[in-house]
Amino acid sequence: MTIKKRNYFRVRAFPNLEDHYDDFIKYNVVALGWPDIGDLTGKSKEEIRDLLVKGYKFKNNRALGLAVGFFMKLLSMKKGDIIVVPHNNKTITFLEVTSTYVYDKTFINVHMAHQVKTKLLKTVSVSDIPHSFKKSIDTMATLTSLRKYAELIEGILHEKESKKSGISTNTFISASKKIIITISEDVDRNDLDMFINSLYI
């Protein structure tokens, strides 16, 4: 699937404020909590909001609105989309969506009934990703879009393939500025210094 057709999301593995990262990996799913509102297949934004209001208490309208937004994003997921799951500020796991939304009653008691099925692509250390990207996935929201980081995510996903050929692709992002450079394994710092000095900046 091309970048244009893919969507990219960050999901926290804490339905009901409990760490379900291992369950996400074991069962090949990503899930949201609030299981008592039932199956949301075909439900509109307004219907989801009403179900949440009837089934749960929210401290304010903003918290309710965020929950509705989480479900709208989950319902929008399709096969081929990419989900990024950070864990314990140590690792970042990349998953590919393999199904649209499903409501699995067998997971109600563990607050994981609202799901999309996934397959594991790779797990990397947080030290191996650009700082700006790490900051974007450190936000507290349960589920957010990472669409603006599509190229960076694709670069991370294909990094292993590049290394096999003796070539690595490195990405540096600062604010709205971005540098992507491809380097063969025999390049040293002197080569890089010469390259930088040759640029007309």
N, C-alpha and C. Protein backbone atom coordinates (compact mmCIF):
# COMPACT_ATOMS: atom_id res chain seq x y z
N MET A 1 0.85 -1.20 0.00
CA MET A 1 0.00 0.00 0.00
C MET A 1 0.88 1.25 0.00
N THR A 2 0.54 2.25 -0.79
CA THR A 2 1.33 3.47 -0.88
C THR A 2 1.05 4.38 0.31
N ILE A 3 1.99 5.32 0.54
CA ILE A 3 1.84 6.27 1.64
C ILE A 3 0.54 7.05 1.51
N LYS A 4 0.18 7.42 0.28
CA LYS A 4 -1.04 8.23 0.09
C LYS A 4 -2.30 7.50 0.55
N LYS A 5 -2.30 6.18 0.42
CA LYS A 5 -3.49 5.40 0.77
C LYS A 5 -3.49 4.95 2.23
N ARG A 6 -2.33 4.99 2.87
CA ARG A 6 -2.21 4.54 4.25
C ARG A 6 -2.53 5.67 5.24
N ASN A 7 -3.07 5.28 6.39
CA ASN A 7 -3.17 6.18 7.51
C ASN A 7 -2.25 5.68 8.61
N TYR A 8 -1.82 6.59 9.47
CA TYR A 8 -0.85 6.26 10.51
C TYR A 8 -1.39 6.77 11.85
N PHE A 9 -1.32 5.91 12.87
CA PHE A 9 -1.89 6.25 14.16
C PHE A 9 -0.92 5.89 15.29
N ARG A 10 -1.08 6.58 16.41
CA ARG A 10 -0.40 6.19 17.64
C ARG A 10 -1.46 5.79 18.65
N VAL A 11 -1.32 4.59 19.23
CA VAL A 11 -2.27 4.08 20.21
C VAL A 11 -1.53 3.73 21.49
N ARG A 12 -2.07 4.15 22.61
CA ARG A 12 -1.52 3.76 23.90
C ARG A 12 -2.19 2.45 24.34
N ALA A 13 -1.40 1.54 24.86
CA ALA A 13 -1.91 0.21 25.22
C ALA A 13 -2.44 0.16 26.64
N PHE A 14 -3.32 1.12 26.95
CA PHE A 14 -3.83 1.20 28.32
C PHE A 14 -5.35 1.32 28.39
N PRO A 15 -6.10 0.39 27.79
CA PRO A 15 -7.55 0.39 28.00
C PRO A 15 -7.86 0.25 29.48
N ASN A 16 -8.80 1.08 29.97
CA ASN A 16 -9.17 1.08 31.39
C ASN A 16 -7.98 1.40 32.30
N LEU A 17 -7.03 2.16 31.77
CA LEU A 17 -5.84 2.59 32.51
C LEU A 17 -4.99 1.41 33.00
N GLU A 18 -5.07 0.28 32.31
CA GLU A 18 -4.26 -0.88 32.64
C GLU A 18 -3.36 -1.23 31.46
N ASP A 19 -2.14 -1.66 31.76
CA ASP A 19 -1.17 -1.96 30.71
C ASP A 19 -1.55 -3.26 30.00
N HIS A 20 -1.97 -3.14 28.73
CA HIS A 20 -2.35 -4.30 27.93
C HIS A 20 -1.41 -4.50 26.74
N TYR A 21 -0.20 -3.95 26.84
CA TYR A 21 0.73 -4.08 25.73
C TYR A 21 0.96 -5.54 25.36
N ASP A 22 1.23 -6.37 26.36
CA ASP A 22 1.48 -7.79 26.09
C ASP A 22 0.27 -8.46 25.43
N ASP A 23 -0.93 -8.04 25.83
CA ASP A 23 -2.15 -8.59 25.22
C ASP A 23 -2.28 -8.15 23.76
N PHE A 24 -1.93 -6.89 23.49
CA PHE A 24 -1.95 -6.41 22.10
C PHE A 24 -1.09 -7.31 21.22
N ILE A 25 0.10 -7.63 21.71
CA ILE A 25 1.03 -8.43 20.93
C ILE A 25 0.59 -9.89 20.87
N LYS A 26 0.16 -10.44 22.00
CA LYS A 26 -0.25 -11.85 22.07
C LYS A 26 -1.43 -12.15 21.17
N TYR A 27 -2.43 -11.27 21.18
CA TYR A 27 -3.66 -11.53 20.44
C TYR A 27 -3.71 -10.83 19.08
N ASN A 28 -2.64 -10.13 18.73
CA ASN A 28 -2.58 -9.43 17.42
C ASN A 28 -3.76 -8.47 17.25
N VAL A 29 -3.95 -7.61 18.24
CA VAL A 29 -5.02 -6.62 18.19
C VAL A 29 -4.52 -5.28 18.74
N VAL A 30 -5.27 -4.25 18.43
CA VAL A 30 -5.18 -2.98 19.14
C VAL A 30 -6.61 -2.68 19.59
N ALA A 31 -6.77 -2.22 20.82
CA ALA A 31 -8.12 -2.11 21.36
C ALA A 31 -8.32 -0.84 22.18
N LEU A 32 -9.58 -0.44 22.28
CA LEU A 32 -10.01 0.65 23.16
C LEU A 32 -10.89 0.07 24.26
N GLY A 33 -11.03 0.82 25.34
CA GLY A 33 -11.87 0.42 26.46
C GLY A 33 -13.33 0.77 26.24
N TRP A 34 -14.03 1.11 27.31
CA TRP A 34 -15.46 1.43 27.29
C TRP A 34 -16.30 0.32 26.63
N PRO A 35 -16.13 -0.93 27.06
CA PRO A 35 -16.81 -2.05 26.38
C PRO A 35 -18.32 -2.06 26.53
N ASP A 36 -18.85 -1.41 27.58
CA ASP A 36 -20.28 -1.50 27.86
C ASP A 36 -21.16 -0.76 26.86
N ILE A 37 -20.57 0.03 25.96
CA ILE A 37 -21.39 0.72 24.97
C ILE A 37 -21.75 -0.18 23.80
N GLY A 38 -21.17 -1.38 23.75
CA GLY A 38 -21.55 -2.36 22.73
C GLY A 38 -20.90 -2.14 21.38
N ASP A 39 -21.38 -2.91 20.43
CA ASP A 39 -20.85 -2.90 19.06
C ASP A 39 -21.14 -1.56 18.39
N LEU A 40 -20.10 -0.94 17.84
CA LEU A 40 -20.26 0.39 17.21
C LEU A 40 -20.30 0.31 15.69
N THR A 41 -20.39 -0.86 15.15
CA THR A 41 -20.44 -1.01 13.70
C THR A 41 -21.62 -0.22 13.14
N GLY A 42 -21.32 0.68 12.20
CA GLY A 42 -22.37 1.47 11.56
C GLY A 42 -22.88 2.64 12.37
N LYS A 43 -22.34 2.88 13.56
CA LYS A 43 -22.81 3.97 14.41
C LYS A 43 -22.21 5.31 13.97
N SER A 44 -23.00 6.35 14.10
CA SER A 44 -22.52 7.70 13.77
C SER A 44 -21.81 8.31 14.97
N LYS A 45 -21.16 9.43 14.74
CA LYS A 45 -20.47 10.14 15.80
C LYS A 45 -21.43 10.51 16.92
N GLU A 46 -22.61 10.99 16.56
CA GLU A 46 -23.61 11.39 17.54
C GLU A 46 -24.11 10.19 18.34
N GLU A 47 -24.30 9.07 17.67
CA GLU A 47 -24.75 7.86 18.36
C GLU A 47 -23.70 7.35 19.34
N ILE A 48 -22.43 7.42 18.95
CA ILE A 48 -21.36 6.99 19.83
C ILE A 48 -21.30 7.90 21.06
N ARG A 49 -21.45 9.17 20.84
CA ARG A 49 -21.46 10.13 21.95
C ARG A 49 -22.58 9.81 22.94
N ASP A 50 -23.78 9.54 22.41
CA ASP A 50 -24.92 9.23 23.27
C ASP A 50 -24.68 7.96 24.07
N LEU A 51 -24.11 6.95 23.43
CA LEU A 51 -23.83 5.68 24.12
C LEU A 51 -22.81 5.87 25.24
N LEU A 52 -21.80 6.69 25.00
CA LEU A 52 -20.79 6.95 26.02
C LEU A 52 -21.39 7.70 27.21
N VAL A 53 -22.25 8.67 26.92
CA VAL A 53 -22.89 9.45 27.99
C VAL A 53 -23.77 8.54 28.86
N LYS A 54 -24.49 7.63 28.22
CA LYS A 54 -25.38 6.72 28.95
C LYS A 54 -24.61 5.67 29.75
N GLY A 55 -23.46 5.25 29.24
CA GLY A 55 -22.75 4.14 29.86
C GLY A 55 -21.64 4.51 30.83
N TYR A 56 -21.12 5.74 30.71
CA TYR A 56 -19.95 6.11 31.52
C TYR A 56 -20.04 7.57 31.97
N LYS A 57 -19.32 7.87 33.04
CA LYS A 57 -19.22 9.24 33.53
C LYS A 57 -17.90 9.85 33.08
N PHE A 58 -17.98 11.05 32.56
CA PHE A 58 -16.79 11.77 32.13
C PHE A 58 -16.67 13.05 32.95
N LYS A 59 -15.43 13.42 33.27
CA LYS A 59 -15.24 14.57 34.17
C LYS A 59 -15.63 15.89 33.53
N ASN A 60 -15.61 15.95 32.19
CA ASN A 60 -16.04 17.16 31.49
C ASN A 60 -16.31 16.84 30.03
N ASN A 61 -16.83 17.82 29.31
CA ASN A 61 -17.17 17.62 27.90
C ASN A 61 -15.94 17.37 27.03
N ARG A 62 -14.81 17.93 27.44
CA ARG A 62 -13.58 17.71 26.66
C ARG A 62 -13.19 16.23 26.72
N ALA A 63 -13.25 15.63 27.90
CA ALA A 63 -12.90 14.22 28.04
C ALA A 63 -13.85 13.36 27.22
N LEU A 64 -15.14 13.71 27.22
CA LEU A 64 -16.12 12.98 26.42
C LEU A 64 -15.80 13.13 24.94
N GLY A 65 -15.50 14.35 24.51
CA GLY A 65 -15.18 14.60 23.11
C GLY A 65 -13.96 13.83 22.66
N LEU A 66 -12.95 13.73 23.53
CA LEU A 66 -11.75 12.97 23.19
C LEU A 66 -12.08 11.50 22.99
N ALA A 67 -12.92 10.95 23.87
CA ALA A 67 -13.30 9.54 23.75
C ALA A 67 -14.04 9.28 22.44
N VAL A 68 -14.94 10.18 22.09
CA VAL A 68 -15.66 10.04 20.82
C VAL A 68 -14.66 10.06 19.66
N GLY A 69 -13.69 10.96 19.73
CA GLY A 69 -12.68 11.06 18.68
C GLY A 69 -11.85 9.80 18.56
N PHE A 70 -11.52 9.19 19.69
CA PHE A 70 -10.76 7.93 19.66
C PHE A 70 -11.51 6.86 18.87
N PHE A 71 -12.81 6.76 19.14
CA PHE A 71 -13.60 5.73 18.46
C PHE A 71 -13.77 6.04 16.98
N MET A 72 -13.91 7.30 16.63
CA MET A 72 -14.03 7.64 15.22
C MET A 72 -12.76 7.25 14.47
N LYS A 73 -11.61 7.45 15.09
CA LYS A 73 -10.34 7.05 14.46
C LYS A 73 -10.25 5.54 14.35
N LEU A 74 -10.64 4.82 15.42
CA LEU A 74 -10.60 3.36 15.38
C LEU A 74 -11.51 2.83 14.27
N LEU A 75 -12.69 3.41 14.15
CA LEU A 75 -13.64 2.98 13.12
C LEU A 75 -13.14 3.28 11.71
N SER A 76 -12.26 4.27 11.59
CA SER A 76 -11.76 4.66 10.26
C SER A 76 -10.61 3.76 9.79
N MET A 77 -10.04 2.97 10.68
CA MET A 77 -8.88 2.15 10.32
C MET A 77 -9.24 1.08 9.31
N LYS A 78 -8.29 0.81 8.42
CA LYS A 78 -8.50 -0.18 7.36
C LYS A 78 -7.24 -1.02 7.18
N LYS A 79 -7.37 -2.10 6.43
CA LYS A 79 -6.23 -2.97 6.18
C LYS A 79 -5.08 -2.18 5.55
N GLY A 80 -3.89 -2.39 6.08
CA GLY A 80 -2.71 -1.72 5.55
C GLY A 80 -2.30 -0.49 6.32
N ASP A 81 -3.19 0.07 7.14
CA ASP A 81 -2.82 1.22 7.97
C ASP A 81 -1.75 0.80 8.98
N ILE A 82 -1.01 1.78 9.48
CA ILE A 82 0.07 1.51 10.43
C ILE A 82 -0.28 2.10 11.80
N ILE A 83 -0.05 1.30 12.84
CA ILE A 83 -0.26 1.75 14.21
C ILE A 83 1.06 1.70 14.97
N VAL A 84 1.38 2.78 15.65
CA VAL A 84 2.58 2.89 16.45
C VAL A 84 2.18 2.78 17.92
N VAL A 85 2.81 1.86 18.65
CA VAL A 85 2.47 1.64 20.06
C VAL A 85 3.72 1.84 20.92
N PRO A 86 3.83 2.98 21.60
CA PRO A 86 4.97 3.17 22.51
C PRO A 86 4.73 2.42 23.81
N HIS A 87 5.81 2.01 24.47
CA HIS A 87 5.64 1.27 25.72
C HIS A 87 6.75 1.57 26.72
N ASN A 88 6.35 2.04 27.89
CA ASN A 88 7.25 2.28 29.02
C ASN A 88 8.42 3.18 28.69
N ASN A 89 8.23 4.04 27.70
CA ASN A 89 9.29 4.98 27.30
C ASN A 89 10.58 4.27 26.92
N LYS A 90 10.46 3.00 26.51
CA LYS A 90 11.64 2.22 26.15
C LYS A 90 11.58 1.72 24.70
N THR A 91 10.42 1.25 24.29
CA THR A 91 10.29 0.68 22.94
C THR A 91 9.12 1.28 22.19
N ILE A 92 9.19 1.16 20.88
CA ILE A 92 8.08 1.58 20.01
C ILE A 92 7.82 0.43 19.05
N THR A 93 6.59 -0.05 19.07
CA THR A 93 6.21 -1.18 18.23
C THR A 93 5.36 -0.70 17.06
N PHE A 94 5.66 -1.22 15.88
CA PHE A 94 4.94 -0.86 14.67
C PHE A 94 4.07 -2.05 14.24
N LEU A 95 2.78 -1.80 14.08
CA LEU A 95 1.83 -2.83 13.71
C LEU A 95 1.13 -2.45 12.42
N GLU A 96 0.75 -3.44 11.63
CA GLU A 96 -0.05 -3.19 10.43
C GLU A 96 -1.47 -3.70 10.66
N VAL A 97 -2.44 -2.88 10.34
CA VAL A 97 -3.84 -3.26 10.52
C VAL A 97 -4.23 -4.32 9.49
N THR A 98 -4.90 -5.38 9.96
CA THR A 98 -5.29 -6.47 9.05
C THR A 98 -6.80 -6.66 8.97
N SER A 99 -7.56 -5.81 9.67
CA SER A 99 -9.02 -5.90 9.61
C SER A 99 -9.62 -4.53 9.89
N THR A 100 -10.87 -4.38 9.56
CA THR A 100 -11.59 -3.19 10.01
C THR A 100 -12.08 -3.44 11.43
N TYR A 101 -12.81 -2.49 11.99
CA TYR A 101 -13.28 -2.56 13.37
C TYR A 101 -14.11 -3.82 13.63
N VAL A 102 -13.84 -4.44 14.79
CA VAL A 102 -14.67 -5.56 15.26
C VAL A 102 -14.95 -5.37 16.74
N TYR A 103 -16.11 -5.87 17.18
CA TYR A 103 -16.45 -5.87 18.60
C TYR A 103 -16.44 -7.31 19.07
N ASP A 104 -15.43 -7.66 19.87
CA ASP A 104 -15.24 -9.04 20.31
C ASP A 104 -15.67 -9.18 21.77
N LYS A 105 -16.82 -9.81 21.99
CA LYS A 105 -17.39 -9.93 23.34
C LYS A 105 -16.51 -10.72 24.29
N THR A 106 -15.64 -11.56 23.77
CA THR A 106 -14.78 -12.36 24.65
C THR A 106 -13.75 -11.50 25.40
N PHE A 107 -13.59 -10.25 24.96
CA PHE A 107 -12.62 -9.36 25.61
C PHE A 107 -13.29 -8.30 26.48
N ILE A 108 -14.58 -8.41 26.71
CA ILE A 108 -15.31 -7.39 27.48
C ILE A 108 -14.72 -7.23 28.88
N ASN A 109 -14.46 -8.33 29.56
CA ASN A 109 -14.00 -8.27 30.95
C ASN A 109 -12.63 -7.65 31.11
N VAL A 110 -11.84 -7.62 30.05
CA VAL A 110 -10.51 -7.00 30.12
C VAL A 110 -10.49 -5.66 29.38
N HIS A 111 -11.68 -5.15 29.07
CA HIS A 111 -11.81 -3.81 28.46
C HIS A 111 -11.07 -3.69 27.14
N MET A 112 -11.16 -4.75 26.32
CA MET A 112 -10.50 -4.74 25.01
C MET A 112 -11.45 -5.21 23.90
N ALA A 113 -12.74 -4.98 24.07
CA ALA A 113 -13.72 -5.50 23.10
C ALA A 113 -13.70 -4.75 21.77
N HIS A 114 -13.41 -3.46 21.81
CA HIS A 114 -13.37 -2.64 20.58
C HIS A 114 -12.00 -2.79 19.95
N GLN A 115 -11.92 -3.46 18.81
CA GLN A 115 -10.63 -3.85 18.26
C GLN A 115 -10.48 -3.61 16.77
N VAL A 116 -9.23 -3.57 16.35
CA VAL A 116 -8.85 -3.90 14.97
C VAL A 116 -7.77 -4.97 15.09
N LYS A 117 -7.76 -5.91 14.16
CA LYS A 117 -6.74 -6.95 14.15
C LYS A 117 -5.47 -6.40 13.52
N THR A 118 -4.33 -6.92 13.96
CA THR A 118 -3.04 -6.40 13.49
C THR A 118 -2.03 -7.51 13.30
N LYS A 119 -0.92 -7.16 12.65
CA LYS A 119 0.25 -8.04 12.63
C LYS A 119 1.47 -7.22 12.99
N LEU A 120 2.39 -7.86 13.69
CA LEU A 120 3.61 -7.18 14.15
C LEU A 120 4.58 -6.97 12.99
N LEU A 121 5.07 -5.74 12.85
CA LEU A 121 6.06 -5.43 11.82
C LEU A 121 7.47 -5.36 12.43
N LYS A 122 7.63 -4.54 13.46
CA LYS A 122 8.93 -4.45 14.11
C LYS A 122 8.80 -3.66 15.41
N THR A 123 9.77 -3.85 16.29
CA THR A 123 9.87 -3.09 17.53
C THR A 123 11.27 -2.48 17.59
N VAL A 124 11.33 -1.18 17.92
CA VAL A 124 12.62 -0.50 17.99
C VAL A 124 12.75 0.20 19.33
N SER A 125 13.97 0.52 19.70
CA SER A 125 14.23 1.28 20.91
C SER A 125 13.91 2.76 20.67
N VAL A 126 13.43 3.44 21.70
CA VAL A 126 13.14 4.86 21.54
C VAL A 126 14.41 5.65 21.22
N SER A 127 15.56 5.10 21.58
CA SER A 127 16.83 5.79 21.30
C SER A 127 17.17 5.76 19.82
N ASP A 128 16.46 4.95 19.04
CA ASP A 128 16.75 4.81 17.62
C ASP A 128 15.86 5.67 16.72
N ILE A 129 15.02 6.50 17.32
CA ILE A 129 14.13 7.34 16.51
C ILE A 129 14.44 8.81 16.75
N PRO A 130 14.12 9.67 15.79
CA PRO A 130 14.36 11.11 15.96
C PRO A 130 13.62 11.66 17.18
N HIS A 131 14.26 12.60 17.87
CA HIS A 131 13.68 13.17 19.09
C HIS A 131 12.32 13.81 18.84
N SER A 132 12.19 14.50 17.71
CA SER A 132 10.93 15.18 17.42
C SER A 132 9.79 14.19 17.26
N PHE A 133 10.08 13.02 16.68
CA PHE A 133 9.06 11.98 16.52
C PHE A 133 8.68 11.40 17.87
N LYS A 134 9.68 11.18 18.72
CA LYS A 134 9.41 10.66 20.06
C LYS A 134 8.49 11.61 20.82
N LYS A 135 8.74 12.91 20.71
CA LYS A 135 7.90 13.88 21.41
C LYS A 135 6.45 13.81 20.93
N SER A 136 6.27 13.57 19.65
CA SER A 136 4.91 13.52 19.10
C SER A 136 4.13 12.32 19.59
N ILE A 137 4.81 11.22 19.91
CA ILE A 137 4.10 10.03 20.37
C ILE A 137 4.07 9.94 21.89
N ASP A 138 4.68 10.92 22.57
CA ASP A 138 4.65 10.94 24.03
C ASP A 138 3.43 11.66 24.58
N THR A 139 2.57 12.20 23.72
CA THR A 139 1.38 12.88 24.19
C THR A 139 0.48 11.91 24.94
N MET A 140 -0.35 12.45 25.84
CA MET A 140 -1.15 11.60 26.71
C MET A 140 -2.38 11.00 26.03
N ALA A 141 -2.83 11.58 24.94
CA ALA A 141 -4.04 11.09 24.28
C ALA A 141 -3.92 9.61 23.93
N THR A 142 -5.05 8.89 24.06
CA THR A 142 -5.06 7.44 23.82
C THR A 142 -4.77 7.08 22.37
N LEU A 143 -5.38 7.82 21.45
CA LEU A 143 -5.25 7.49 20.02
C LEU A 143 -5.17 8.78 19.22
N THR A 144 -4.09 8.95 18.49
CA THR A 144 -3.90 10.14 17.68
C THR A 144 -3.42 9.79 16.28
N SER A 145 -3.57 10.73 15.37
CA SER A 145 -3.10 10.54 14.00
C SER A 145 -1.63 10.93 13.90
N LEU A 146 -0.86 10.14 13.14
CA LEU A 146 0.55 10.45 12.88
C LEU A 146 0.77 10.65 11.39
N ARG A 147 -0.25 11.07 10.69
CA ARG A 147 -0.18 11.19 9.23
C ARG A 147 0.98 12.06 8.75
N LYS A 148 1.28 13.11 9.50
CA LYS A 148 2.36 14.01 9.05
C LYS A 148 3.74 13.37 9.18
N TYR A 149 3.82 12.24 9.88
CA TYR A 149 5.09 11.52 10.02
C TYR A 149 5.15 10.30 9.11
N ALA A 150 4.32 10.26 8.10
CA ALA A 150 4.23 9.10 7.22
C ALA A 150 5.58 8.70 6.63
N GLU A 151 6.30 9.64 6.07
CA GLU A 151 7.59 9.33 5.43
C GLU A 151 8.60 8.83 6.45
N LEU A 152 8.61 9.44 7.62
CA LEU A 152 9.56 9.03 8.65
C LEU A 152 9.26 7.60 9.10
N ILE A 153 7.97 7.30 9.31
CA ILE A 153 7.57 5.96 9.75
C ILE A 153 7.94 4.92 8.69
N GLU A 154 7.67 5.24 7.43
CA GLU A 154 8.02 4.31 6.35
C GLU A 154 9.53 4.09 6.31
N GLY A 155 10.29 5.14 6.59
CA GLY A 155 11.74 5.00 6.61
C GLY A 155 12.19 4.05 7.71
N ILE A 156 11.57 4.15 8.88
CA ILE A 156 11.91 3.25 9.99
C ILE A 156 11.54 1.81 9.64
N LEU A 157 10.38 1.63 9.01
CA LEU A 157 9.91 0.29 8.68
C LEU A 157 10.80 -0.40 7.66
N HIS A 158 11.41 0.38 6.77
CA HIS A 158 12.22 -0.21 5.70
C HIS A 158 13.72 -0.11 5.98
N GLU A 159 14.08 0.33 7.17
CA GLU A 159 15.49 0.53 7.50
C GLU A 159 16.27 -0.76 7.43
N LYS A 160 15.71 -1.86 7.90
CA LYS A 160 16.41 -3.14 7.91
C LYS A 160 16.75 -3.59 6.49
N GLU A 161 15.79 -3.38 5.57
CA GLU A 161 16.03 -3.77 4.18
C GLU A 161 17.20 -2.99 3.60
N SER A 162 17.28 -1.71 3.96
CA SER A 162 18.37 -0.88 3.45
C SER A 162 19.72 -1.34 3.99
N LYS A 163 19.73 -1.71 5.29
CA LYS A 163 20.99 -2.12 5.91
C LYS A 163 21.52 -3.41 5.30
N LYS A 164 20.62 -4.29 4.85
CA LYS A 164 21.05 -5.54 4.24
C LYS A 164 21.87 -5.28 2.99
N SER A 165 21.57 -4.20 2.30
CA SER A 165 22.27 -3.89 1.07
C SER A 165 23.50 -3.02 1.32
N GLY A 166 23.79 -2.77 2.63
CA GLY A 166 24.94 -1.95 2.98
C GLY A 166 24.66 -0.46 2.86
N ILE A 167 23.40 -0.10 2.76
CA ILE A 167 23.02 1.30 2.63
C ILE A 167 21.99 1.62 3.70
N SER A 168 22.16 2.73 4.40
CA SER A 168 21.19 3.15 5.41
C SER A 168 20.62 4.52 5.05
N THR A 169 19.35 4.72 5.40
CA THR A 169 18.69 6.01 5.19
C THR A 169 18.48 6.66 6.54
N ASN A 170 18.99 7.87 6.68
CA ASN A 170 18.91 8.59 7.95
C ASN A 170 18.03 9.82 7.77
N THR A 171 17.15 10.04 8.74
CA THR A 171 16.23 11.17 8.68
C THR A 171 16.42 12.06 9.90
N PHE A 172 16.55 13.36 9.65
CA PHE A 172 16.64 14.35 10.73
C PHE A 172 15.51 15.35 10.54
N ILE A 173 14.72 15.57 11.60
CA ILE A 173 13.62 16.53 11.53
C ILE A 173 13.73 17.50 12.69
N SER A 174 13.62 18.78 12.39
CA SER A 174 13.62 19.82 13.40
C SER A 174 12.59 20.86 13.01
N ALA A 175 11.55 21.00 13.86
CA ALA A 175 10.43 21.88 13.53
C ALA A 175 9.87 21.48 12.17
N SER A 176 9.82 22.41 11.22
CA SER A 176 9.28 22.10 9.90
C SER A 176 10.38 21.70 8.91
N LYS A 177 11.62 21.59 9.38
CA LYS A 177 12.75 21.29 8.51
C LYS A 177 13.03 19.80 8.53
N LYS A 178 13.42 19.27 7.39
CA LYS A 178 13.70 17.84 7.32
C LYS A 178 14.87 17.58 6.39
N ILE A 179 15.76 16.66 6.82
CA ILE A 179 16.89 16.22 6.00
C ILE A 179 16.84 14.70 5.93
N ILE A 180 16.87 14.16 4.72
CA ILE A 180 16.94 12.72 4.52
C ILE A 180 18.20 12.42 3.70
N ILE A 181 19.07 11.58 4.23
CA ILE A 181 20.32 11.29 3.54
C ILE A 181 20.56 9.77 3.53
N THR A 182 20.96 9.27 2.37
CA THR A 182 21.26 7.85 2.22
C THR A 182 22.77 7.66 2.18
N ILE A 183 23.27 6.75 3.04
CA ILE A 183 24.71 6.60 3.22
C ILE A 183 25.10 5.13 3.06
N SER A 184 26.12 4.86 2.26
CA SER A 184 26.63 3.50 2.15
C SER A 184 27.53 3.21 3.35
N GLU A 185 27.74 1.94 3.67
CA GLU A 185 28.42 1.58 4.91
C GLU A 185 29.90 1.96 4.95
N ASP A 186 30.49 2.26 3.80
CA ASP A 186 31.92 2.60 3.78
C ASP A 186 32.18 4.10 3.93
N VAL A 187 31.11 4.89 4.13
CA VAL A 187 31.27 6.34 4.30
C VAL A 187 31.71 6.65 5.72
N ASP A 188 32.73 7.53 5.87
CA ASP A 188 33.16 7.92 7.21
C ASP A 188 32.88 9.41 7.44
N ARG A 189 33.26 9.91 8.63
CA ARG A 189 32.96 11.30 8.98
C ARG A 189 33.63 12.29 8.02
N ASN A 190 34.83 12.00 7.58
CA ASN A 190 35.50 12.91 6.65
C ASN A 190 34.71 13.06 5.35
N ASP A 191 34.15 11.94 4.89
CA ASP A 191 33.32 11.99 3.68
C ASP A 191 32.11 12.88 3.91
N LEU A 192 31.49 12.75 5.09
CA LEU A 192 30.31 13.56 5.40
C LEU A 192 30.67 15.04 5.50
N ASP A 193 31.83 15.34 6.11
CA ASP A 193 32.27 16.73 6.21
C ASP A 193 32.49 17.33 4.82
N MET A 194 33.08 16.56 3.93
CA MET A 194 33.31 17.03 2.57
C MET A 194 31.98 17.27 1.86
N PHE A 195 31.03 16.37 2.08
CA PHE A 195 29.73 16.52 1.45
C PHE A 195 29.03 17.79 1.94
N ILE A 196 29.04 18.01 3.24
CA ILE A 196 28.38 19.20 3.81
C ILE A 196 29.04 20.47 3.29
N ASN A 197 30.37 20.46 3.22
CA ASN A 197 31.08 21.65 2.74
C ASN A 197 30.82 21.92 1.26
N SER A 198 30.40 20.89 0.54
CA SER A 198 30.14 21.07 -0.89
C SER A 198 28.74 21.62 -1.17
N LEU A 199 27.89 21.67 -0.15
CA LEU A 199 26.53 22.16 -0.35
C LEU A 199 26.52 23.68 -0.43
N TYR A 200 25.62 24.17 -1.26
CA TYR A 200 25.44 25.62 -1.40
C TYR A 200 24.27 26.03 -0.54
N ILE A 201 24.52 26.31 0.73
CA ILE A 201 23.47 26.68 1.69
C ILE A 201 23.71 28.09 2.19
